[in-house]
C-alpha atoms as a PDB file:
ATOM      1  CA  UNK A   1       0.000   0.000   0.000  1.00  0.00           C
ATOM      2  CA  UNK A   2       2.853   2.369   0.877  1.00  0.00           C
ATOM      3  CA  UNK A   3       4.592   1.514  -2.415  1.00  0.00           C
ATOM      4  CA  UNK A   4       1.476   2.376  -4.370  1.00  0.00           C
ATOM      5  CA  UNK A   5       1.271   5.693  -2.542  1.00  0.00           C
ATOM      6  CA  UNK A   6       4.902   6.594  -3.424  1.00  0.00           C
ATOM      7  CA  UNK A   7       4.395   5.689  -7.102  1.00  0.00           C
ATOM      8  CA  UNK A   8       1.256   7.799  -7.208  1.00  0.00           C
ATOM      9  CA  UNK A   9       3.159  10.719  -5.624  1.00  0.00           C
ATOM     10  CA  UNK A  10       6.066  10.431  -8.091  1.00  0.00           C
ATOM     11  CA  UNK A  11       3.664  10.361 -11.032  1.00  0.00           C
ATOM     12  CA  UNK A  12       2.212  13.614  -9.748  1.00  0.00           C
ATOM     13  CA  UNK A  13       5.618  15.283  -9.845  1.00  0.00           C
ATOM     14  CA  UNK A  14       6.502  14.121 -13.404  1.00  0.00           C
ATOM     15  CA  UNK A  15       6.054  17.025 -15.874  1.00  0.00           C
ATOM     16  CA  UNK A  16       3.539  16.456 -18.570  1.00  0.00           C
ATOM     17  CA  UNK A  17       4.522  16.338 -22.249  1.00  0.00           C
ATOM     18  CA  UNK A  18       2.349  19.367 -22.877  1.00  0.00           C
ATOM     19  CA  UNK A  19       4.320  21.437 -20.323  1.00  0.00           C
ATOM     20  CA  UNK A  20       7.694  20.437 -21.842  1.00  0.00           C
ATOM     21  CA  UNK A  21       6.552  21.282 -25.327  1.00  0.00           C
ATOM     22  CA  UNK A  22       5.259  24.670 -24.137  1.00  0.00           C
ATOM     23  CA  UNK A  23       8.561  25.645 -22.515  1.00  0.00           C
ATOM     24  CA  UNK A  24      10.564  24.453 -25.530  1.00  0.00           C
ATOM     25  CA  UNK A  25       8.374  26.543 -27.811  1.00  0.00           C
ATOM     26  CA  UNK A  26       8.852  29.605 -25.617  1.00  0.00           C
ATOM     27  CA  UNK A  27      12.663  29.223 -25.746  1.00  0.00           C
ATOM     28  CA  UNK A  28      12.617  28.813 -29.515  1.00  0.00           C
ATOM     29  CA  UNK A  29      10.424  31.877 -29.969  1.00  0.00           C
ATOM     30  CA  UNK A  30      12.763  33.901 -27.722  1.00  0.00           C
ATOM     31  CA  UNK A  31      15.795  32.721 -29.734  1.00  0.00           C
ATOM     32  CA  UNK A  32      14.103  33.684 -32.992  1.00  0.00           C
ATOM     33  CA  UNK A  33      13.219  37.114 -31.592  1.00  0.00           C
ATOM     34  CA  UNK A  34      16.860  37.708 -30.622  1.00  0.00           C
ATOM     35  CA  UNK A  35      18.036  36.648 -34.099  1.00  0.00           C
ATOM     36  CA  UNK A  36      15.554  39.007 -35.748  1.00  0.00           C
ATOM     37  CA  UNK A  37      16.517  41.874 -33.437  1.00  0.00           C
ATOM     38  CA  UNK A  38      20.208  41.252 -34.142  1.00  0.00           C
ATOM     39  CA  UNK A  39      19.549  41.276 -37.861  1.00  0.00           C
ATOM     40  CA  UNK A  40      17.678  44.569 -37.609  1.00  0.00           C
ATOM     41  CA  UNK A  41      20.523  46.154 -35.624  1.00  0.00           C
ATOM     42  CA  UNK A  42      23.143  44.937 -38.146  1.00  0.00           C
ATOM     43  CA  UNK A  43      21.076  46.281 -41.028  1.00  0.00           C
ATOM     44  CA  UNK A  44      20.675  49.628 -39.268  1.00  0.00           C
ATOM     45  CA  UNK A  45      24.416  49.840 -38.615  1.00  0.00           C
ATOM     46  CA  UNK A  46      25.207  48.956 -42.234  1.00  0.00           C
ATOM     47  CA  UNK A  47      22.768  51.612 -43.442  1.00  0.00           C
ATOM     48  CA  UNK A  48      24.414  54.171 -41.168  1.00  0.00           C
ATOM     49  CA  UNK A  49      27.878  53.319 -42.478  1.00  0.00           C
ATOM     50  CA  UNK A  50      26.655  53.567 -46.060  1.00  0.00           C
ATOM     51  CA  UNK A  51      25.084  56.960 -45.386  1.00  0.00           C
ATOM     52  CA  UNK A  52      28.248  58.252 -43.692  1.00  0.00           C
ATOM     53  CA  UNK A  53      30.351  57.052 -46.631  1.00  0.00           C
ATOM     54  CA  UNK A  54      28.030  58.703 -49.133  1.00  0.00           C
ATOM     55  CA  UNK A  55      28.150  61.972 -47.186  1.00  0.00           C
ATOM     56  CA  UNK A  56      31.951  61.869 -46.968  1.00  0.00           C
ATOM     57  CA  UNK A  57      32.304  61.060 -50.662  1.00  0.00           C
ATOM     58  CA  UNK A  58      29.855  63.749 -51.754  1.00  0.00           C
ATOM     59  CA  UNK A  59      31.294  66.792 -53.485  1.00  0.00           C
ATOM     60  CA  UNK A  60      31.618  69.748 -51.053  1.00  0.00           C
ATOM     61  CA  UNK A  61      29.197  72.530 -51.912  1.00  0.00           C
ATOM     62  CA  UNK A  62      31.184  75.424 -50.415  1.00  0.00           C
ATOM     63  CA  UNK A  63      33.984  76.997 -52.452  1.00  0.00           C
ATOM     64  CA  UNK A  64      36.941  78.998 -51.164  1.00  0.00           C
ATOM     65  CA  UNK A  65      39.527  81.298 -52.732  1.00  0.00           C
ATOM     66  CA  UNK A  66      42.905  79.728 -53.544  1.00  0.00           C
ATOM     67  CA  UNK A  67      45.946  81.462 -55.052  1.00  0.00           C
ATOM     68  CA  UNK A  68      46.688  80.400 -58.644  1.00  0.00           C
ATOM     69  CA  UNK A  69      50.309  81.522 -58.315  1.00  0.00           C
ATOM     70  CA  UNK A  70      52.635  83.006 -55.745  1.00  0.00           C
ATOM     71  CA  UNK A  71      51.387  86.376 -54.483  1.00  0.00           C
ATOM     72  CA  UNK A  72      53.978  88.727 -53.048  1.00  0.00           C
ATOM     73  CA  UNK A  73      53.207  91.309 -50.337  1.00  0.00           C
ATOM     74  CA  UNK A  74      52.010  94.622 -51.757  1.00  0.00           C
ATOM     75  CA  UNK A  75      50.246  93.073 -54.751  1.00  0.00           C
ATOM     76  CA  UNK A  76      46.666  94.068 -55.463  1.00  0.00           C
ATOM     77  CA  UNK A  77      44.739  90.883 -56.231  1.00  0.00           C
ATOM     78  CA  UNK A  78      43.175  90.504 -59.671  1.00  0.00           C
ATOM     79  CA  UNK A  79      40.544  87.991 -60.774  1.00  0.00           C
ATOM     80  CA  UNK A  80      43.176  85.957 -62.642  1.00  0.00           C
ATOM     81  CA  UNK A  81      45.120  85.481 -59.374  1.00  0.00           C
ATOM     82  CA  UNK A  82      42.332  83.531 -57.671  1.00  0.00           C
ATOM     83  CA  UNK A  83      40.641  80.179 -58.222  1.00  0.00           C
ATOM     84  CA  UNK A  84      37.495  79.130 -56.398  1.00  0.00           C
ATOM     85  CA  UNK A  85      37.885  75.524 -55.228  1.00  0.00           C
ATOM     86  CA  UNK A  86      35.364  73.243 -53.510  1.00  0.00           C
ATOM     87  CA  UNK A  87      36.939  72.166 -50.229  1.00  0.00           C
ATOM     88  CA  UNK A  88      35.512  70.653 -47.064  1.00  0.00           C
ATOM     89  CA  UNK A  89      36.829  72.653 -44.087  1.00  0.00           C
ATOM     90  CA  UNK A  90      36.113  72.671 -40.346  1.00  0.00           C
ATOM     91  CA  UNK A  91      33.741  75.436 -39.299  1.00  0.00           C
ATOM     92  CA  UNK A  92      36.408  77.265 -37.309  1.00  0.00           C
ATOM     93  CA  UNK A  93      38.701  77.337 -40.358  1.00  0.00           C
ATOM     94  CA  UNK A  94      35.942  78.598 -42.688  1.00  0.00           C
ATOM     95  CA  UNK A  95      35.738  81.778 -40.620  1.00  0.00           C
ATOM     96  CA  UNK A  96      39.377  82.638 -41.437  1.00  0.00           C
ATOM     97  CA  UNK A  97      39.290  82.243 -45.238  1.00  0.00           C
ATOM     98  CA  UNK A  98      37.517  83.846 -48.178  1.00  0.00           C
ATOM     99  CA  UNK A  99      34.435  81.992 -49.404  1.00  0.00           C
ATOM    100  CA  UNK A 100      32.597  82.184 -52.690  1.00  0.00           C
ATOM    101  CA  UNK A 101      30.584  85.174 -51.534  1.00  0.00           C
ATOM    102  CA  UNK A 102      33.586  87.225 -50.414  1.00  0.00           C
ATOM    103  CA  UNK A 103      35.049  89.697 -52.868  1.00  0.00           C
ATOM    104  CA  UNK A 104      38.786  89.157 -52.518  1.00  0.00           C
ATOM    105  CA  UNK A 105      39.577  90.829 -55.838  1.00  0.00           C
ATOM    106  CA  UNK A 106      41.045  94.273 -55.180  1.00  0.00           C
ATOM    107  CA  UNK A 107      42.465  93.228 -51.809  1.00  0.00           C
ATOM    108  CA  UNK A 108      46.060  93.931 -50.896  1.00  0.00           C
ATOM    109  CA  UNK A 109      48.427  91.048 -50.128  1.00  0.00           C
ATOM    110  CA  UNK A 110      49.929  91.588 -46.677  1.00  0.00           C
ATOM    111  CA  UNK A 111      51.703  88.252 -46.221  1.00  0.00           C
ATOM    112  CA  UNK A 112      53.196  86.167 -49.020  1.00  0.00           C
ATOM    113  CA  UNK A 113      50.843  83.484 -50.349  1.00  0.00           C
ATOM    114  CA  UNK A 114      52.123  80.484 -52.307  1.00  0.00           C
ATOM    115  CA  UNK A 115      50.384  78.822 -55.238  1.00  0.00           C
ATOM    116  CA  UNK A 116      47.625  76.501 -54.090  1.00  0.00           C
ATOM    117  CA  UNK A 117      47.266  78.065 -50.652  1.00  0.00           C
ATOM    118  CA  UNK A 118      43.981  79.313 -49.261  1.00  0.00           C
ATOM    119  CA  UNK A 119      43.673  83.089 -49.044  1.00  0.00           C
ATOM    120  CA  UNK A 120      43.173  83.882 -45.375  1.00  0.00           C
ATOM    121  CA  UNK A 121      41.956  87.109 -43.820  1.00  0.00           C
ATOM    122  CA  UNK A 122      45.366  87.490 -42.204  1.00  0.00           C
ATOM    123  CA  UNK A 123      47.044  87.436 -45.629  1.00  0.00           C
ATOM    124  CA  UNK A 124      44.747  89.905 -47.374  1.00  0.00           C
ATOM    125  CA  UNK A 125      43.565  93.365 -46.370  1.00  0.00           C
ATOM    126  CA  UNK A 126      41.906  96.324 -48.019  1.00  0.00           C
ATOM    127  CA  UNK A 127      44.211  99.077 -49.310  1.00  0.00           C
ATOM    128  CA  UNK A 128      42.345 101.566 -47.096  1.00  0.00           C
ATOM    129  CA  UNK A 129      42.857  99.582 -43.898  1.00  0.00           C
ATOM    130  CA  UNK A 130      46.494  98.801 -44.666  1.00  0.00           C
ATOM    131  CA  UNK A 131      47.672 102.256 -45.745  1.00  0.00           C
ATOM    132  CA  UNK A 132      47.762 103.837 -42.304  1.00  0.00           C
ATOM    133  CA  UNK A 133      49.367 100.862 -40.602  1.00  0.00           C
ATOM    134  CA  UNK A 134      51.870  99.772 -43.254  1.00  0.00           C
ATOM    135  CA  UNK A 135      52.587 102.951 -45.204  1.00  0.00           C
ATOM    136  CA  UNK A 136      55.989 103.148 -46.862  1.00  0.00           C
ATOM    137  CA  UNK A 137      57.989 101.946 -49.847  1.00  0.00           C
ATOM    138  CA  UNK A 138      58.899  98.387 -50.733  1.00  0.00           C
ATOM    139  CA  UNK A 139      62.202  97.359 -52.281  1.00  0.00           C
ATOM    140  CA  UNK A 140      63.722  93.961 -53.028  1.00  0.00           C
ATOM    141  CA  UNK A 141      67.425  93.196 -52.724  1.00  0.00           C
ATOM    142  CA  UNK A 142      69.287  90.030 -53.640  1.00  0.00           C
ATOM    143  CA  UNK A 143      71.807  89.222 -50.948  1.00  0.00           C
ATOM    144  CA  UNK A 144      74.490  86.617 -50.540  1.00  0.00           C
ATOM    145  CA  UNK A 145      73.206  84.077 -48.037  1.00  0.00           C
ATOM    146  CA  UNK A 146      75.695  84.975 -45.256  1.00  0.00           C
ATOM    147  CA  UNK A 147      74.712  88.646 -45.617  1.00  0.00           C
ATOM    148  CA  UNK A 148      71.011  87.755 -45.239  1.00  0.00           C
ATOM    149  CA  UNK A 149      71.435  86.133 -41.824  1.00  0.00           C
ATOM    150  CA  UNK A 150      71.982  82.840 -43.660  1.00  0.00           C
ATOM    151  CA  UNK A 151      68.341  82.993 -44.703  1.00  0.00           C
ATOM    152  CA  UNK A 152      67.174  82.917 -41.081  1.00  0.00           C
ATOM    153  CA  UNK A 153      64.977  85.962 -41.408  1.00  0.00           C
ATOM    154  CA  UNK A 154      61.194  85.855 -41.186  1.00  0.00           C
ATOM    155  CA  UNK A 155      58.390  87.931 -42.601  1.00  0.00           C
ATOM    156  CA  UNK A 156      57.363  90.664 -40.169  1.00  0.00           C
ATOM    157  CA  UNK A 157      60.763  91.106 -38.533  1.00  0.00           C
ATOM    158  CA  UNK A 158      62.553  94.444 -38.412  1.00  0.00           C
ATOM    159  CA  UNK A 159      66.160  94.621 -39.548  1.00  0.00           C
ATOM    160  CA  UNK A 160      68.816  97.268 -40.169  1.00  0.00           C
ATOM    161  CA  UNK A 161      70.697  97.497 -43.458  1.00  0.00           C
ATOM    162  CA  UNK A 162      74.435  98.104 -43.471  1.00  0.00           C
ATOM    163  CA  UNK A 163      76.371  98.818 -46.676  1.00  0.00           C
ATOM    164  CA  UNK A 164      80.107  98.254 -46.775  1.00  0.00           C
ATOM    165  CA  UNK A 165      82.871  99.021 -49.266  1.00  0.00           C
ATOM    166  CA  UNK A 166      81.084 101.817 -51.129  1.00  0.00           C
ATOM    167  CA  UNK A 167      83.419 104.576 -49.911  1.00  0.00           C
ATOM    168  CA  UNK A 168      86.541 102.592 -49.085  1.00  0.00           C
ATOM    169  CA  UNK A 169      87.375  98.909 -48.515  1.00  0.00           C
ATOM    170  CA  UNK A 170      86.999  99.346 -44.764  1.00  0.00           C
ATOM    171  CA  UNK A 171      83.984 101.672 -44.754  1.00  0.00           C
ATOM    172  CA  UNK A 172      80.553 100.686 -43.519  1.00  0.00           C
ATOM    173  CA  UNK A 173      77.419 102.659 -42.787  1.00  0.00           C
ATOM    174  CA  UNK A 174      73.777 102.099 -41.915  1.00  0.00           C
ATOM    175  CA  UNK A 175      71.459 103.074 -44.769  1.00  0.00           C
ATOM    176  CA  UNK A 176      68.146 102.013 -43.231  1.00  0.00           C
ATOM    177  CA  UNK A 177      66.967 101.136 -39.742  1.00  0.00           C
ATOM    178  CA  UNK A 178      63.875  99.259 -38.677  1.00  0.00           C
ATOM    179  CA  UNK A 179      63.086  98.013 -42.188  1.00  0.00           C
ATOM    180  CA  UNK A 180      60.195  95.540 -42.160  1.00  0.00           C
ATOM    181  CA  UNK A 181      60.722  92.207 -43.897  1.00  0.00           C
ATOM    182  CA  UNK A 182      57.777  91.773 -46.265  1.00  0.00           C
ATOM    183  CA  UNK A 183      58.901  88.644 -48.045  1.00  0.00           C
ATOM    184  CA  UNK A 184      61.780  86.180 -48.200  1.00  0.00           C
ATOM    185  CA  UNK A 185      62.312  84.327 -51.480  1.00  0.00           C
ATOM    186  CA  UNK A 186      64.517  81.404 -50.485  1.00  0.00           C
ATOM    187  CA  UNK A 187      63.931  78.291 -52.638  1.00  0.00           C
ATOM    188  CA  UNK A 188      66.167  76.097 -50.484  1.00  0.00           C
ATOM    189  CA  UNK A 189      65.541  72.371 -50.346  1.00  0.00           C
ATOM    190  CA  UNK A 190      67.239  69.311 -48.885  1.00  0.00           C
ATOM    191  CA  UNK A 191      69.128  68.782 -52.123  1.00  0.00           C
ATOM    192  CA  UNK A 192      69.997  72.376 -52.955  1.00  0.00           C
ATOM    193  CA  UNK A 193      70.768  75.546 -51.021  1.00  0.00           C
ATOM    194  CA  UNK A 194      71.157  78.601 -53.271  1.00  0.00           C
ATOM    195  CA  UNK A 195      73.949  81.109 -52.696  1.00  0.00           C
ATOM    196  CA  UNK A 196      71.610  84.101 -52.602  1.00  0.00           C
ATOM    197  CA  UNK A 197      68.352  85.100 -50.958  1.00  0.00           C
ATOM    198  CA  UNK A 198      65.945  87.751 -52.231  1.00  0.00           C
ATOM    199  CA  UNK A 199      64.501  89.829 -49.412  1.00  0.00           C
ATOM    200  CA  UNK A 200      61.697  92.343 -49.909  1.00  0.00           C
ATOM    201  CA  UNK A 201      61.808  95.153 -47.379  1.00  0.00           C
ATOM    202  CA  UNK A 202      59.532  97.998 -46.419  1.00  0.00           C
ATOM    203  CA  UNK A 203      61.203 101.289 -45.622  1.00  0.00           C
ATOM    204  CA  UNK A 204      59.363 104.349 -44.308  1.00  0.00           C
ATOM    205  CA  UNK A 205      59.897 106.797 -47.164  1.00  0.00           C
ATOM    206  CA  UNK A 206      61.158 107.252 -50.701  1.00  0.00           C
ATOM    207  CA  UNK A 207      64.515 108.642 -49.582  1.00  0.00           C
ATOM    208  CA  UNK A 208      65.229 105.454 -47.635  1.00  0.00           C
ATOM    209  CA  UNK A 209      64.262 103.314 -50.629  1.00  0.00           C
ATOM    210  CA  UNK A 210      66.610 105.316 -52.877  1.00  0.00           C
ATOM    211  CA  UNK A 211      69.430 104.922 -50.346  1.00  0.00           C
ATOM    212  CA  UNK A 212      68.936 101.159 -50.218  1.00  0.00           C
ATOM    213  CA  UNK A 213      68.872 100.924 -54.022  1.00  0.00           C
ATOM    214  CA  UNK A 214      72.056 103.000 -54.309  1.00  0.00           C
ATOM    215  CA  UNK A 215      73.738 100.923 -51.616  1.00  0.00           C
ATOM    216  CA  UNK A 216      72.819  97.704 -53.427  1.00  0.00           C
ATOM    217  CA  UNK A 217      74.471  99.035 -56.587  1.00  0.00           C
ATOM    218  CA  UNK A 218      77.498 100.550 -54.898  1.00  0.00           C
ATOM    219  CA  UNK A 219      78.448  97.902 -52.382  1.00  0.00           C
ATOM    220  CA  UNK A 220      77.464  94.845 -50.404  1.00  0.00           C
ATOM    221  CA  UNK A 221      74.410  95.105 -48.151  1.00  0.00           C
ATOM    222  CA  UNK A 222      74.274  93.133 -44.906  1.00  0.00           C
ATOM    223  CA  UNK A 223      71.213  92.637 -42.746  1.00  0.00           C
ATOM    224  CA  UNK A 224      71.726  92.956 -39.004  1.00  0.00           C
ATOM    225  CA  UNK A 225      69.280  92.229 -36.238  1.00  0.00           C
ATOM    226  CA  UNK A 226      69.337  92.580 -32.457  1.00  0.00           C
ATOM    227  CA  UNK A 227      70.278  89.344 -30.682  1.00  0.00           C
ATOM    228  CA  UNK A 228      69.574  88.027 -27.208  1.00  0.00           C
ATOM    229  CA  UNK A 229      65.844  88.871 -27.275  1.00  0.00           C
ATOM    230  CA  UNK A 230      62.818  87.853 -29.247  1.00  0.00           C
ATOM    231  CA  UNK A 231      62.882  89.381 -32.741  1.00  0.00           C
ATOM    232  CA  UNK A 232      60.833  92.539 -33.033  1.00  0.00           C
ATOM    233  CA  UNK A 233      57.822  91.812 -35.198  1.00  0.00           C
ATOM    234  CA  UNK A 234      55.385  94.315 -36.603  1.00  0.00           C
ATOM    235  CA  UNK A 235      51.829  94.260 -35.298  1.00  0.00           C
END
């Protein structure tokens, strides 16, 4: 009698086939749902990557002014000097350059710009705004490299010009002080260092420009600059 009771009790605890099938179906449905969800996420990610690639590969719509050739300081920009090129730039950089809507033609080159470079608002100014701050005369002199501080002279620095040998072999005199370096034409490379450097200088008046020109013809000009402190640069 006790054995029959235990068998009856154990039969009561045995799960029915219907219950097993129900739980198995639930697990399968859950697995299928996860597979579907994973597929949707992968498709969404792939679509996002495709969209990002298409956006990156798309042609930029904004155009900016680029120099067609080298522009020296003091040059008034003409239409033939500028090309409008579609370029993708960071927002903070766009604010410093000339876009398609900006009229750069007629501007005055303040800092030398090389071919292919963007025209920035620091390089170009209006003749009216520049005249009071940078008034003077510009003159270019070709100097032997040692006489041009071995080429170690930068745009914006102030230098003095000394001419030697024009009166006697031992004579030397200062023909201009505080001349502003407008441009340095030094095509040096790893393979070749030229013997001369062309320096364009701004002097305050016509008399100073004439003196520099006469000194260049009469003798050897040497640039000198104060040492032991930061070079004086024009504002």
